[in-house]
Structure formats: structure tokens, C-alpha cells
C-alpha atoms as a PDB file:
ATOM      1  CA  SER A   1       8.306 -19.614  12.788  1.00  0.00           C
ATOM      2  CA  ASN A   2       7.725 -15.897  13.283  1.00  0.00           C
ATOM      3  CA  VAL A   3       9.970 -13.620  11.299  1.00  0.00           C
ATOM      4  CA  THR A   4       9.428 -10.178  12.734  1.00  0.00           C
ATOM      5  CA  THR A   5       6.729  -7.823  13.935  1.00  0.00           C
ATOM      6  CA  ALA A   6       5.710  -4.265  13.277  1.00  0.00           C
ATOM      7  CA  VAL A   7       3.587  -1.810  15.225  1.00  0.00           C
ATOM      8  CA  ILE A   8       1.797   1.454  14.691  1.00  0.00           C
ATOM      9  CA  LYS A   9       3.121   4.573  16.376  1.00  0.00           C
ATOM     10  CA  LYS A  10       0.763   7.414  17.023  1.00  0.00           C
ATOM     11  CA  GLU A  11       1.723  10.769  18.499  1.00  0.00           C
ATOM     12  CA  PRO A  12       0.562  11.141  21.189  1.00  0.00           C
ATOM     13  CA  LEU A  13       0.178   7.444  22.003  1.00  0.00           C
ATOM     14  CA  ASP A  14      -3.434   6.368  22.336  1.00  0.00           C
ATOM     15  CA  ARG A  15      -5.133   3.577  24.261  1.00  0.00           C
ATOM     16  CA  PRO A  16      -2.803   0.726  25.310  1.00  0.00           C
ATOM     17  CA  GLU A  17      -5.367  -1.836  24.075  1.00  0.00           C
ATOM     18  CA  GLU A  18      -5.074  -0.667  20.471  1.00  0.00           C
ATOM     19  CA  VAL A  19      -4.515  -3.372  17.899  1.00  0.00           C
ATOM     20  CA  GLY A  20      -1.585  -3.027  15.574  1.00  0.00           C
ATOM     21  CA  GLU A  21       1.058  -5.724  15.947  1.00  0.00           C
ATOM     22  CA  VAL A  22       1.491  -7.745  12.759  1.00  0.00           C
ATOM     23  CA  GLU A  23       3.837 -10.643  12.161  1.00  0.00           C
ATOM     24  CA  TRP A  24       4.706 -13.266   9.555  1.00  0.00           C
ATOM     25  CA  VAL A  25       4.146 -16.957  10.168  1.00  0.00           C
ATOM     26  CA  ASN A  26       5.230 -19.801   7.927  1.00  0.00           C
ATOM     27  CA  ASP A  27       2.056 -21.468   6.602  1.00  0.00           C
ATOM     28  CA  GLU A  28       2.613 -23.684   3.583  1.00  0.00           C
ATOM     29  CA  ALA A  29      -0.940 -25.097   3.534  1.00  0.00           C
ATOM     30  CA  TRP A  30      -2.469 -21.621   3.492  1.00  0.00           C
ATOM     31  CA  PHE A  31       0.007 -20.515   0.804  1.00  0.00           C
ATOM     32  CA  ARG A  32      -0.870 -23.468  -1.453  1.00  0.00           C
ATOM     33  CA  ASP A  33      -4.574 -22.715  -1.110  1.00  0.00           C
ATOM     34  CA  GLN A  34      -3.994 -19.087  -2.048  1.00  0.00           C
ATOM     35  CA  VAL A  35      -1.808 -20.001  -5.031  1.00  0.00           C
ATOM     36  CA  LYS A  36      -4.642 -22.149  -6.432  1.00  0.00           C
ATOM     37  CA  LYS A  37      -6.715 -18.989  -6.874  1.00  0.00           C
ATOM     38  CA  GLY A  38      -4.267 -17.704  -9.495  1.00  0.00           C
ATOM     39  CA  CYS A  39      -3.183 -14.157 -10.259  1.00  0.00           C
ATOM     40  CA  CYS A  40      -5.299 -11.491  -8.598  1.00  0.00           C
ATOM     41  CA  PRO A  41      -7.659 -10.282 -11.365  1.00  0.00           C
ATOM     42  CA  PHE A  42      -7.403  -6.690 -10.175  1.00  0.00           C
ATOM     43  CA  ALA A  43      -3.660  -6.749 -10.872  1.00  0.00           C
ATOM     44  CA  LYS A  44      -4.570  -7.561 -14.465  1.00  0.00           C
ATOM     45  CA  THR A  45      -7.001  -4.628 -14.542  1.00  0.00           C
ATOM     46  CA  LEU A  46      -4.575  -2.119 -13.058  1.00  0.00           C
ATOM     47  CA  TYR A  47      -1.506  -3.324 -14.947  1.00  0.00           C
ATOM     48  CA  GLU A  48      -2.994  -4.516 -18.249  1.00  0.00           C
ATOM     49  CA  HIS A  49      -1.229  -1.903 -20.370  1.00  0.00           C
ATOM     50  CA  ARG A  50       2.071  -1.920 -18.500  1.00  0.00           C
ATOM     51  CA  TYR A  51       3.031  -5.277 -17.048  1.00  0.00           C
ATOM     52  CA  ALA A  52       1.249  -8.004 -18.973  1.00  0.00           C
ATOM     53  CA  GLY A  53       4.698  -9.123 -20.153  1.00  0.00           C
ATOM     54  CA  ILE A  54       5.817  -9.859 -16.588  1.00  0.00           C
ATOM     55  CA  GLU A  55       2.721 -11.687 -15.395  1.00  0.00           C
ATOM     56  CA  TYR A  56       1.011  -8.498 -14.196  1.00  0.00           C
ATOM     57  CA  ARG A  57       3.551  -8.479 -11.353  1.00  0.00           C
ATOM     58  CA  CYS A  58       1.869 -11.575  -9.881  1.00  0.00           C
ATOM     59  CA  CYS A  59       5.204 -13.470 -10.034  1.00  0.00           C
ATOM     60  CA  THR A  60       3.476 -16.691 -11.094  1.00  0.00           C
ATOM     61  CA  SER A  61       6.699 -18.261 -12.386  1.00  0.00           C
ATOM     62  CA  MET A  62       8.586 -17.421  -9.195  1.00  0.00           C
ATOM     63  CA  ILE A  63       5.854 -19.073  -7.141  1.00  0.00           C
ATOM     64  CA  GLU A  64       6.001 -22.192  -9.306  1.00  0.00           C
ATOM     65  CA  GLN A  65       9.767 -22.315  -8.801  1.00  0.00           C
ATOM     66  CA  GLY A  66       9.410 -22.046  -5.016  1.00  0.00           C
ATOM     67  CA  LYS A  67      11.237 -18.718  -4.842  1.00  0.00           C
ATOM     68  CA  ILE A  68       8.735 -16.885  -2.613  1.00  0.00           C
ATOM     69  CA  ASP A  69       8.539 -17.789   1.072  1.00  0.00           C
ATOM     70  CA  PRO A  70       5.106 -19.158   2.120  1.00  0.00           C
ATOM     71  CA  LEU A  71       4.526 -16.510   4.770  1.00  0.00           C
ATOM     72  CA  ARG A  72       1.122 -15.407   6.021  1.00  0.00           C
ATOM     73  CA  ALA A  73       0.550 -12.098   7.801  1.00  0.00           C
ATOM     74  CA  ILE A  74      -1.365 -12.351  11.065  1.00  0.00           C
ATOM     75  CA  GLY A  75      -2.453  -9.733  13.571  1.00  0.00           C
ATOM     76  CA  GLY A  76      -3.701  -6.257  12.863  1.00  0.00           C
ATOM     77  CA  VAL A  77      -7.222  -5.929  11.473  1.00  0.00           C
ATOM     78  CA  ASP A  78      -9.150  -7.268   8.482  1.00  0.00           C
ATOM     79  CA  TYR A  79     -12.191  -5.864   6.663  1.00  0.00           C
ATOM     80  CA  SER A  80     -14.743  -7.711   8.797  1.00  0.00           C
ATOM     81  CA  GLN A  81     -14.192  -5.265  11.680  1.00  0.00           C
ATOM     82  CA  PHE A  82     -15.506  -2.490   9.423  1.00  0.00           C
ATOM     83  CA  LEU A  83     -18.137  -4.182   7.284  1.00  0.00           C
ATOM     84  CA  HIS A  84     -20.056  -5.436  10.317  1.00  0.00           C
ATOM     85  CA  LYS A  85     -20.208  -1.983  11.894  1.00  0.00           C
ATOM     86  CA  ASN A  86     -22.834   0.678  11.233  1.00  0.00           C
ATOM     87  CA  LYS A  87     -20.559   3.050   9.368  1.00  0.00           C
ATOM     88  CA  ASN A  88     -19.120   3.244   5.880  1.00  0.00           C
ATOM     89  CA  VAL A  89     -15.428   4.067   5.494  1.00  0.00           C
ATOM     90  CA  THR A  90     -13.613   5.859   2.664  1.00  0.00           C
ATOM     91  CA  ILE A  91      -9.838   6.152   2.474  1.00  0.00           C
ATOM     92  CA  PHE A  92      -7.682   7.992  -0.050  1.00  0.00           C
ATOM     93  CA  ILE A  93      -4.150   6.846  -0.940  1.00  0.00           C
ATOM     94  CA  GLN A  94      -1.784   9.258  -2.683  1.00  0.00           C
ATOM     95  CA  GLY A  95       1.728   8.462  -3.826  1.00  0.00           C
ATOM     96  CA  ASP A  96       3.986   6.893  -6.422  1.00  0.00           C
ATOM     97  CA  SER A  97       4.115   3.361  -7.857  1.00  0.00           C
ATOM     98  CA  VAL A  98       4.780   1.846  -4.421  1.00  0.00           C
ATOM     99  CA  ALA A  99       1.706   3.614  -3.043  1.00  0.00           C
ATOM    100  CA  GLU A 100      -0.148   2.261  -6.087  1.00  0.00           C
ATOM    101  CA  GLN A 101       0.907  -1.222  -4.983  1.00  0.00           C
ATOM    102  CA  HIS A 102      -0.399  -0.406  -1.500  1.00  0.00           C
ATOM    103  CA  PHE A 103      -3.771   0.346  -3.099  1.00  0.00           C
ATOM    104  CA  LEU A 104      -3.662  -2.819  -5.207  1.00  0.00           C
ATOM    105  CA  GLY A 105      -2.511  -4.942  -2.279  1.00  0.00           C
ATOM    106  CA  MET A 106      -5.515  -3.852  -0.213  1.00  0.00           C
ATOM    107  CA  ILE A 107      -7.854  -4.825  -3.052  1.00  0.00           C
ATOM    108  CA  CYS A 108      -6.210  -8.186  -3.683  1.00  0.00           C
ATOM    109  CA  TYR A 109      -6.332  -8.965   0.032  1.00  0.00           C
ATOM    110  CA  ALA A 110     -10.095  -8.378  -0.058  1.00  0.00           C
ATOM    111  CA  TRP A 111     -10.329 -10.569  -3.184  1.00  0.00           C
ATOM    112  CA  SER A 112      -8.591 -13.408  -1.352  1.00  0.00           C
ATOM    113  CA  VAL A 113     -11.463 -13.478   1.172  1.00  0.00           C
ATOM    114  CA  HIS A 114     -14.443 -15.346  -0.280  1.00  0.00           C
ATOM    115  CA  ASP A 115     -17.256 -13.363   1.336  1.00  0.00           C
ATOM    116  CA  LEU A 116     -16.308  -9.959  -0.095  1.00  0.00           C
ATOM    117  CA  ASN A 117     -17.241  -8.254  -3.358  1.00  0.00           C
ATOM    118  CA  ILE A 118     -14.964  -5.699  -5.025  1.00  0.00           C
ATOM    119  CA  ASP A 119     -15.934  -3.134  -7.643  1.00  0.00           C
ATOM    120  CA  LEU A 120     -12.876  -1.461  -9.213  1.00  0.00           C
ATOM    121  CA  HIS A 121     -13.027   1.272 -11.819  1.00  0.00           C
ATOM    122  CA  ARG A 122     -10.903   4.084 -13.161  1.00  0.00           C
ATOM    123  CA  LEU A 123     -11.981   7.624 -12.426  1.00  0.00           C
ATOM    124  CA  GLY A 124     -12.247  10.259 -15.110  1.00  0.00           C
ATOM    125  CA  ALA A 125     -13.977  13.606 -15.390  1.00  0.00           C
ATOM    126  CA  ARG A 126     -14.218  16.418 -17.894  1.00  0.00           C
ATOM    127  CA  VAL A 127     -12.770  19.637 -16.549  1.00  0.00           C
ATOM    128  CA  GLY A 128     -12.768  22.714 -18.782  1.00  0.00           C
ATOM    129  CA  GLY A 129     -13.424  20.654 -21.876  1.00  0.00           C
ATOM    130  CA  GLY A 130     -10.454  18.362 -21.262  1.00  0.00           C
ATOM    131  CA  GLU A 131     -10.376  14.775 -20.106  1.00  0.00           C
ATOM    132  CA  ILE A 132      -8.866  14.001 -16.713  1.00  0.00           C
ATOM    133  CA  SER A 133      -8.285  10.272 -16.474  1.00  0.00           C
ATOM    134  CA  GLY A 134      -5.676   7.593 -15.955  1.00  0.00           C
ATOM    135  CA  ASN A 135      -4.348   8.417 -12.493  1.00  0.00           C
ATOM    136  CA  GLY A 136      -7.468   7.950 -10.371  1.00  0.00           C
ATOM    137  CA  TRP A 137      -9.039   4.697  -9.186  1.00  0.00           C
ATOM    138  CA  ARG A 138     -11.841   3.711  -6.838  1.00  0.00           C
ATOM    139  CA  ALA A 139     -12.446   0.276  -5.303  1.00  0.00           C
ATOM    140  CA  THR A 140     -15.609  -0.392  -3.314  1.00  0.00           C
ATOM    141  CA  ILE A 141     -15.574  -3.447  -1.031  1.00  0.00           C
ATOM    142  CA  THR A 142     -18.809  -4.896   0.321  1.00  0.00           C
ATOM    143  CA  LEU A 143     -20.028  -8.051   2.000  1.00  0.00           C
ATOM    144  CA  ASN A 144     -21.296 -10.721  -0.363  1.00  0.00           C
ATOM    145  CA  LYS A 145     -25.020 -10.288   0.339  1.00  0.00           C
ATOM    146  CA  LYS A 146     -28.076  -9.880  -1.878  1.00  0.00           C
ATOM    147  CA  ASN A 147     -30.112  -7.462   0.224  1.00  0.00           C
ATOM    148  CA  GLY A 148     -28.498  -4.338  -1.210  1.00  0.00           C
ATOM    149  CA  ASN A 149     -28.037  -2.805   2.246  1.00  0.00           C
ATOM    150  CA  ASP A 150     -24.349  -3.590   2.614  1.00  0.00           C
ATOM    151  CA  LEU A 151     -21.946  -1.275   4.271  1.00  0.00           C
ATOM    152  CA  PHE A 152     -18.979  -0.408   2.097  1.00  0.00           C
ATOM    153  CA  PHE A 153     -15.273   0.181   2.508  1.00  0.00           C
ATOM    154  CA  THR A 154     -14.059   2.431  -0.299  1.00  0.00           C
ATOM    155  CA  ILE A 155     -10.396   2.819  -1.279  1.00  0.00           C
ATOM    156  CA  GLU A 156      -9.469   5.619  -3.668  1.00  0.00           C
ATOM    157  CA  HIS A 157      -6.050   6.200  -5.177  1.00  0.00           C
ATOM    158  CA  LEU A 158      -4.303   9.061  -6.934  1.00  0.00           C
ATOM    159  CA  ARG A 159      -0.984   8.218  -8.560  1.00  0.00           C
ATOM    160  CA  TRP A 160       1.106  11.286  -7.748  1.00  0.00           C
ATOM    161  CA  ASP A 161       4.809  10.615  -7.763  1.00  0.00           C
ATOM    162  CA  LYS A 162       6.216  13.414  -5.610  1.00  0.00           C
ATOM    163  CA  PRO A 163       5.091  14.340  -2.064  1.00  0.00           C
ATOM    164  CA  HIS A 164       3.267  17.455  -3.201  1.00  0.00           C
ATOM    165  CA  VAL A 165      -0.341  18.549  -3.040  1.00  0.00           C
ATOM    166  CA  ALA A 166      -1.916  17.825  -6.423  1.00  0.00           C
ATOM    167  CA  PRO A 167      -3.922  20.407  -8.417  1.00  0.00           C
ATOM    168  CA  LYS A 168      -7.569  20.701  -7.366  1.00  0.00           C
ATOM    169  CA  LYS A 169      -8.834  19.308 -10.679  1.00  0.00           C
ATOM    170  CA  HIS A 170      -7.347  15.927  -9.746  1.00  0.00           C
ATOM    171  CA  TYR A 171      -8.855  15.880  -6.257  1.00  0.00           C
ATOM    172  CA  SER A 172     -12.272  16.754  -7.725  1.00  0.00           C
ATOM    173  CA  LEU A 173     -12.518  13.140  -8.911  1.00  0.00           C
ATOM    174  CA  PHE A 174     -12.586  11.806  -5.354  1.00  0.00           C
ATOM    175  CA  ASP A 175     -14.993  11.653  -2.437  1.00  0.00           C
ATOM    176  CA  VAL A 176     -14.289  13.306   0.911  1.00  0.00           C
ATOM    177  CA  PRO A 177     -12.265  10.589   2.701  1.00  0.00           C
ATOM    178  CA  ASP A 178     -12.296   9.571   6.327  1.00  0.00           C
ATOM    179  CA  PHE A 179      -8.525   8.989   6.149  1.00  0.00           C
ATOM    180  CA  ILE A 180      -5.756  10.214   3.855  1.00  0.00           C
ATOM    181  CA  ILE A 181      -2.780   7.896   3.382  1.00  0.00           C
ATOM    182  CA  VAL A 182       0.480   9.152   1.918  1.00  0.00           C
ATOM    183  CA  GLY A 183       3.454   6.992   0.995  1.00  0.00           C
ATOM    184  CA  GLY A 184       5.852   6.009  -1.752  1.00  0.00           C
ATOM    185  CA  TRP A 185       8.821   8.356  -1.710  1.00  0.00           C
ATOM    186  CA  HIS A 186      10.946   7.384  -4.716  1.00  0.00           C
ATOM    187  CA  HIS A 187      10.793  10.423  -6.989  1.00  0.00           C
ATOM    188  CA  GLY A 188      12.647  12.999  -4.924  1.00  0.00           C
ATOM    189  CA  ASP A 189      11.580  16.039  -2.888  1.00  0.00           C
ATOM    190  CA  THR A 190      11.735  14.059   0.350  1.00  0.00           C
ATOM    191  CA  ASP A 191      13.342  16.837   2.351  1.00  0.00           C
ATOM    192  CA  THR A 192      11.825  17.777   5.685  1.00  0.00           C
ATOM    193  CA  VAL A 193      10.330  21.070   4.520  1.00  0.00           C
ATOM    194  CA  THR A 194       8.500  19.497   1.557  1.00  0.00           C
ATOM    195  CA  ILE A 195       7.096  16.580   3.558  1.00  0.00           C
ATOM    196  CA  LYS A 196       5.998  18.880   6.403  1.00  0.00           C
ATOM    197  CA  ARG A 197       4.227  21.134   3.905  1.00  0.00           C
ATOM    198  CA  LEU A 198       2.338  18.206   2.392  1.00  0.00           C
ATOM    199  CA  LEU A 199       1.302  16.748   5.747  1.00  0.00           C
ATOM    200  CA  HIS A 200       0.264  20.130   7.137  1.00  0.00           C
ATOM    201  CA  GLN A 201      -2.096  20.795   4.264  1.00  0.00           C
ATOM    202  CA  MET A 202      -3.472  17.268   4.264  1.00  0.00           C
ATOM    203  CA  ARG A 203      -4.276  17.261   7.975  1.00  0.00           C
ATOM    204  CA  THR A 204      -5.627  20.831   8.151  1.00  0.00           C
ATOM    205  CA  GLU A 205      -7.470  21.124   4.824  1.00  0.00           C
ATOM    206  CA  GLY A 206      -7.777  17.617   3.377  1.00  0.00           C
ATOM    207  CA  ILE A 207      -7.887  17.034  -0.364  1.00  0.00           C
ATOM    208  CA  HIS A 208     -10.832  19.377  -0.894  1.00  0.00           C
ATOM    209  CA  GLY A 209      -9.365  22.329   0.991  1.00  0.00           C
ATOM    210  CA  HIS A 210     -11.949  22.875   3.699  1.00  0.00           C
ATOM    211  CA  GLU A 211     -11.688  20.476   6.618  1.00  0.00           C
ATOM    212  CA  ARG A 212      -9.307  18.713   8.997  1.00  0.00           C
ATOM    213  CA  GLN A 213      -8.433  15.141   8.104  1.00  0.00           C
ATOM    214  CA  SER A 214      -6.834  12.146   9.772  1.00  0.00           C
ATOM    215  CA  VAL A 215      -3.592  11.333   7.949  1.00  0.00           C
ATOM    216  CA  ILE A 216      -1.649   8.065   7.917  1.00  0.00           C
ATOM    217  CA  VAL A 217       1.985   8.214   6.809  1.00  0.00           C
ATOM    218  CA  VAL A 218       3.536   4.994   5.498  1.00  0.00           C
ATOM    219  CA  ASN A 219       7.273   4.853   6.012  1.00  0.00           C
ATOM    220  CA  ALA A 220       9.613   3.830   3.201  1.00  0.00           C
ATOM    221  CA  LEU A 221       9.760   0.105   2.537  1.00  0.00           C
ATOM    222  CA  PRO A 222      13.204  -1.350   1.824  1.00  0.00           C
ATOM    223  CA  SER A 223      14.384  -2.200  -1.654  1.00  0.00           C
ATOM    224  CA  HIS A 224      16.770  -5.131  -2.151  1.00  0.00           C
ATOM    225  CA  PHE A 225      18.960  -4.236  -5.114  1.00  0.00           C
ATOM    226  CA  PRO A 226      22.215  -6.240  -5.317  1.00  0.00           C
ATOM    227  CA  GLY A 227      24.803  -4.248  -3.389  1.00  0.00           C
ATOM    228  CA  GLY A 228      22.067  -2.165  -1.758  1.00  0.00           C
ATOM    229  CA  ASP A 229      21.608   0.641  -4.284  1.00  0.00           C
ATOM    230  CA  TYR A 230      19.624   1.118  -7.469  1.00  0.00           C
ATOM    231  CA  LEU A 231      21.886   1.581 -10.497  1.00  0.00           C
ATOM    232  CA  GLN A 232      20.586   3.458 -13.523  1.00  0.00           C
ATOM    233  CA  SER A 233      22.929   1.388 -15.687  1.00  0.00           C
ATOM    234  CA  GLY A 234      21.448  -1.862 -14.433  1.00  0.00           C
ATOM    235  CA  ASN A 235      24.948  -3.364 -14.247  1.00  0.00           C
ATOM    236  CA  TYR A 236      24.729  -5.218 -10.949  1.00  0.00           C
ATOM    237  CA  LYS A 237      27.426  -7.623  -9.787  1.00  0.00           C
ATOM    238  CA  HIS A 238      24.848 -10.284  -8.895  1.00  0.00           C
ATOM    239  CA  ASP A 239      21.632 -11.513 -10.471  1.00  0.00           C
ATOM    240  CA  GLY A 240      18.386 -11.387  -8.542  1.00  0.00           C
ATOM    241  CA  CYS A 241      17.500  -9.345  -5.486  1.00  0.00           C
ATOM    242  CA  ALA A 242      19.321  -9.434  -2.169  1.00  0.00           C
ATOM    243  CA  GLN A 243      17.492 -11.215   0.648  1.00  0.00           C
ATOM    244  CA  ASN A 244      18.007  -8.714   3.474  1.00  0.00           C
ATOM    245  CA  ASN A 245      18.061  -4.943   3.763  1.00  0.00           C
ATOM    246  CA  SER A 246      17.345  -3.150   7.019  1.00  0.00           C
ATOM    247  CA  MET A 247      17.125   0.340   5.517  1.00  0.00           C
ATOM    248  CA  GLY A 248      14.087   1.985   3.979  1.00  0.00           C
ATOM    249  CA  ASP A 249      14.427   3.252   0.416  1.00  0.00           C
ATOM    250  CA  PRO A 250      14.807   6.198   0.356  1.00  0.00           C
ATOM    251  CA  ASN A 251      16.533   6.484   3.720  1.00  0.00           C
ATOM    252  CA  ILE A 252      13.987   8.834   5.295  1.00  0.00           C
ATOM    253  CA  ASN A 253      12.356   6.763   8.017  1.00  0.00           C
ATOM    254  CA  GLU A 254      14.138   8.364  10.977  1.00  0.00           C
ATOM    255  CA  ASN A 255      13.224  11.725   9.517  1.00  0.00           C
ATOM    256  CA  LEU A 256       9.582  10.692   9.212  1.00  0.00           C
ATOM    257  CA  VAL A 257       9.528   9.761  12.909  1.00  0.00           C
ATOM    258  CA  SER A 258      10.822  13.223  13.760  1.00  0.00           C
ATOM    259  CA  ILE A 259       8.353  14.959  11.431  1.00  0.00           C
ATOM    260  CA  VAL A 260       5.313  13.101  12.764  1.00  0.00           C
ATOM    261  CA  LYS A 261       6.256  13.395  16.456  1.00  0.00           C
ATOM    262  CA  ASN A 262       3.759  15.450  18.455  1.00  0.00           C
ATOM    263  CA  GLN A 263       1.634  16.153  15.359  1.00  0.00           C
ATOM    264  CA  THR A 264      -2.117  15.847  15.873  1.00  0.00           C
ATOM    265  CA  ASN A 265      -4.246  13.869  13.417  1.00  0.00           C
ATOM    266  CA  ILE A 266      -1.192  12.019  12.033  1.00  0.00           C
ATOM    267  CA  THR A 267      -0.337   8.343  12.485  1.00  0.00           C
ATOM    268  CA  LEU A 268       2.941   6.794  11.334  1.00  0.00           C
ATOM    269  CA  LEU A 269       2.859   3.261   9.944  1.00  0.00           C
ATOM    270  CA  GLU A 270       6.293   1.819  10.692  1.00  0.00           C
ATOM    271  CA  ILE A 271       5.927  -1.148   8.394  1.00  0.00           C
ATOM    272  CA  SER A 272       9.396  -1.327   6.828  1.00  0.00           C
ATOM    273  CA  GLN A 273      10.900  -3.780   9.316  1.00  0.00           C
ATOM    274  CA  LEU A 274       8.367  -6.423   8.300  1.00  0.00           C
ATOM    275  CA  TYR A 275       9.861  -6.363   4.805  1.00  0.00           C
ATOM    276  CA  HIS A 276      13.574  -6.287   5.694  1.00  0.00           C
ATOM    277  CA  HIS A 277      13.965 -10.014   5.080  1.00  0.00           C
ATOM    278  CA  ARG A 278      11.583 -10.362   2.151  1.00  0.00           C
ATOM    279  CA  GLY A 279      13.978  -9.699  -0.707  1.00  0.00           C
ATOM    280  CA  ASN A 280      12.727 -12.766  -2.559  1.00  0.00           C
ATOM    281  CA  ALA A 281       9.239 -11.218  -2.719  1.00  0.00           C
ATOM    282  CA  HIS A 282      10.303  -8.526  -5.185  1.00  0.00           C
ATOM    283  CA  ILE A 283       9.433  -8.873  -8.854  1.00  0.00           C
ATOM    284  CA  GLY A 284      13.089  -9.339  -9.735  1.00  0.00           C
ATOM    285  CA  SER A 285      12.450 -10.123 -13.413  1.00  0.00           C
ATOM    286  CA  PRO A 286      14.358  -7.741 -15.690  1.00  0.00           C
ATOM    287  CA  LEU A 287      12.202  -4.983 -17.090  1.00  0.00           C
ATOM    288  CA  HIS A 288      13.926  -2.932 -19.796  1.00  0.00           C
ATOM    289  CA  GLY A 289      17.093  -4.850 -18.923  1.00  0.00           C
ATOM    290  CA  ARG A 290      17.071  -4.016 -15.209  1.00  0.00           C
ATOM    291  CA  PRO A 291      15.986  -6.224 -12.311  1.00  0.00           C
ATOM    292  CA  ASP A 292      13.169  -4.765 -10.240  1.00  0.00           C
ATOM    293  CA  CYS A 293      14.087  -5.022  -6.572  1.00  0.00           C
ATOM    294  CA  LEU A 294      11.868  -2.117  -5.540  1.00  0.00           C
ATOM    295  CA  HIS A 295       8.328  -3.222  -6.386  1.00  0.00           C
ATOM    296  CA  TRP A 296       6.676  -6.220  -4.770  1.00  0.00           C
ATOM    297  CA  CYS A 297       5.038  -9.341  -6.103  1.00  0.00           C
ATOM    298  CA  ILE A 298       1.260  -9.322  -6.011  1.00  0.00           C
ATOM    299  CA  ALA A 299       1.583 -12.852  -4.699  1.00  0.00           C
ATOM    300  CA  PRO A 300      -0.171 -14.551  -1.765  1.00  0.00           C
ATOM    301  CA  GLY A 301       0.591 -12.827   1.507  1.00  0.00           C
ATOM    302  CA  VAL A 302       3.232 -10.373   0.320  1.00  0.00           C
ATOM    303  CA  MET A 303       1.211  -7.169   0.635  1.00  0.00           C
ATOM    304  CA  ASP A 304      -1.100  -8.514   3.345  1.00  0.00           C
ATOM    305  CA  ALA A 305       1.055  -7.257   6.220  1.00  0.00           C
ATOM    306  CA  LEU A 306       0.843  -3.718   4.884  1.00  0.00           C
ATOM    307  CA  THR A 307      -2.917  -4.089   4.396  1.00  0.00           C
ATOM    308  CA  ARG A 308      -3.579  -5.420   7.897  1.00  0.00           C
ATOM    309  CA  MET A 309      -1.394  -2.686   9.426  1.00  0.00           C
ATOM    310  CA  THR A 310      -3.265  -0.039   7.445  1.00  0.00           C
ATOM    311  CA  LEU A 311      -6.639  -1.373   8.544  1.00  0.00           C
ATOM    312  CA  ALA A 312      -5.412  -1.468  12.147  1.00  0.00           C
ATOM    313  CA  ALA A 313      -4.391   2.206  11.964  1.00  0.00           C
ATOM    314  CA  ILE A 314      -7.809   3.130  10.594  1.00  0.00           C
ATOM    315  CA  TYR A 315      -9.579   1.010  13.216  1.00  0.00           C
ATOM    316  CA  ASN A 316      -7.577   2.541  16.066  1.00  0.00           C
ATOM    317  CA  ASN A 317      -8.378   6.065  14.920  1.00  0.00           C
ATOM    318  CA  SER A 318     -12.054   5.573  14.023  1.00  0.00           C
END
């Protein structure tokens, strides 16, 4: 049965025929087929030095125990709508560890489709004699063909925890994107003035400081900590993550709607409601003695809704 839906809001609203609605459907056969593929190899690449001890956040044990709902995301857009067109696309995702999961989720979704190739590598460059590396990644997605004339969909990511413009030396690692995506709001400075400043510069100057850009803002996904709040002590009254939470974490989504309203070149991805009831899709396993009810399992379907919504926003604005 359907769980819930989410849509894209653009100010001002564009064509009524735009795609965007995404929903979950229960599909156990599809889920079993996806599980047979194993842990997404790109999760192992991205997380090899951090999360090997918790299955690279693939939640393999939770899947085996039947703890993750077999939900498939439908609607929105997939990569085929881009890779069969006559134009390459480059997007740039900036944000914290949740935005990093957005980046990874888009790659693993492409990996789950058999006719796509993915090339993932870390970006590094020498600037002033020093080494800049570790925070930048580029994934290039192409059709699985041998003629060498494939179109590509490129996803670049800068891990930048706070909603600030990064120093130019970091942006120098990246191409000029067609779309800038900002999200992940868990390290403070989420006041209206700071977010407005970031979005203004991104849409008027881009990441290279010289041209207008289309910006997609991802609202805050909900966390599902027991009792509703993250505790530094880790002393929760209940084990595991709560199932439901209707509030984004941090609680800034109403503010984001107000900030984005009537702004040109900015699209708001109101995705959080699709994840309200997906508390069992968090990693959950204690890391450093604390359960993780903020980050999501890189498990079949979990990040696909966010991916298909993101692709729909890009498609609608191309």
C-alpha cells in the first residue's frame, strides 16, 4: 500500500504538467531482488575508513533480520530521462554528512540499474604547495555502451558542514555545474540571515563567483531518536530508533519555505514527509556508544525517493 507522497515546490510555480510526485509502495519481490546484489560498492569506497565496522552503513544485518520495510520509491524521474537526451548534466551537492548521503544515495541508485556505469573518484588538487583532498568527490554516470559517445550525468560533492560559502580553493576542484544542491543542516548556523546569504550567493554567483545558477534546496529530513531529540550523553530511555517523527531535524522547514518563496532560480525539495514513517531505515547500530537515528541505511530503496525527487527537480528546471 502507498505510504505517503511528496512534491516539489517551485516559486513561482511552473508548468502544471511537471513531474515530481513520489511515493512508497510495498514491493517485497523487488526488495528481495535488490538485496541479492549486496552492499552498494560505492558505500564501501566512500566509507572505507569510517564505517567498515558498521557494514559501511549498508545495514546488512538489519535487512537479514527483516527490520527494514520493503518499500520501493516510484514516481519522479530516473537517469534515463537525461542519458537519452542530447545534453550532459553536472550537479554539485554541498552540505554535511546527510548531504553526503544524498550524494551516495544518488550513486547507489544508479548502481542498482543494470545498464548504467559509474566512475567514482576523490578530488584533490595542489594549491599553493599544499594538498587539498578528502572532502571532494565526483561520480560520472553513463549508459553501458561501448561506442564511447555516451552522454554523462556528473554528480560532484563537497562535504561542508555549515551552510556557508566555502573558500575558493575548495570550489576550484569542481566543474561549473548546471545545478547547485544545498542540504544537510545539522551543524548550526541555520538562522534565516545565514541561509539567505548562502542561497543569494549560490544563485547569483555560483561556486566560481561569476554566473547565475539554478539552486535546489533540500529541506531537513526527520531524525527518529527515542523521545524525539538527540542526546549527547546517549542515555535514551528506549533502544533503537522511533518509527515516526513528523518534524524535520533541525526544525527549519517552515523557515525554508518562507526563505525560498518568490526567489528566482531556487527550487525547494520538500522531501521530509516521505521519511516521517521510516524510522526503521536509520542505521540505529550504536556508534561510539550512541544509536544513530539521524543517518540512513544505504539499503535498497531507502534513499531512492530522495534521488528520484532530485532528478525530477532537475528535469523540471532543465
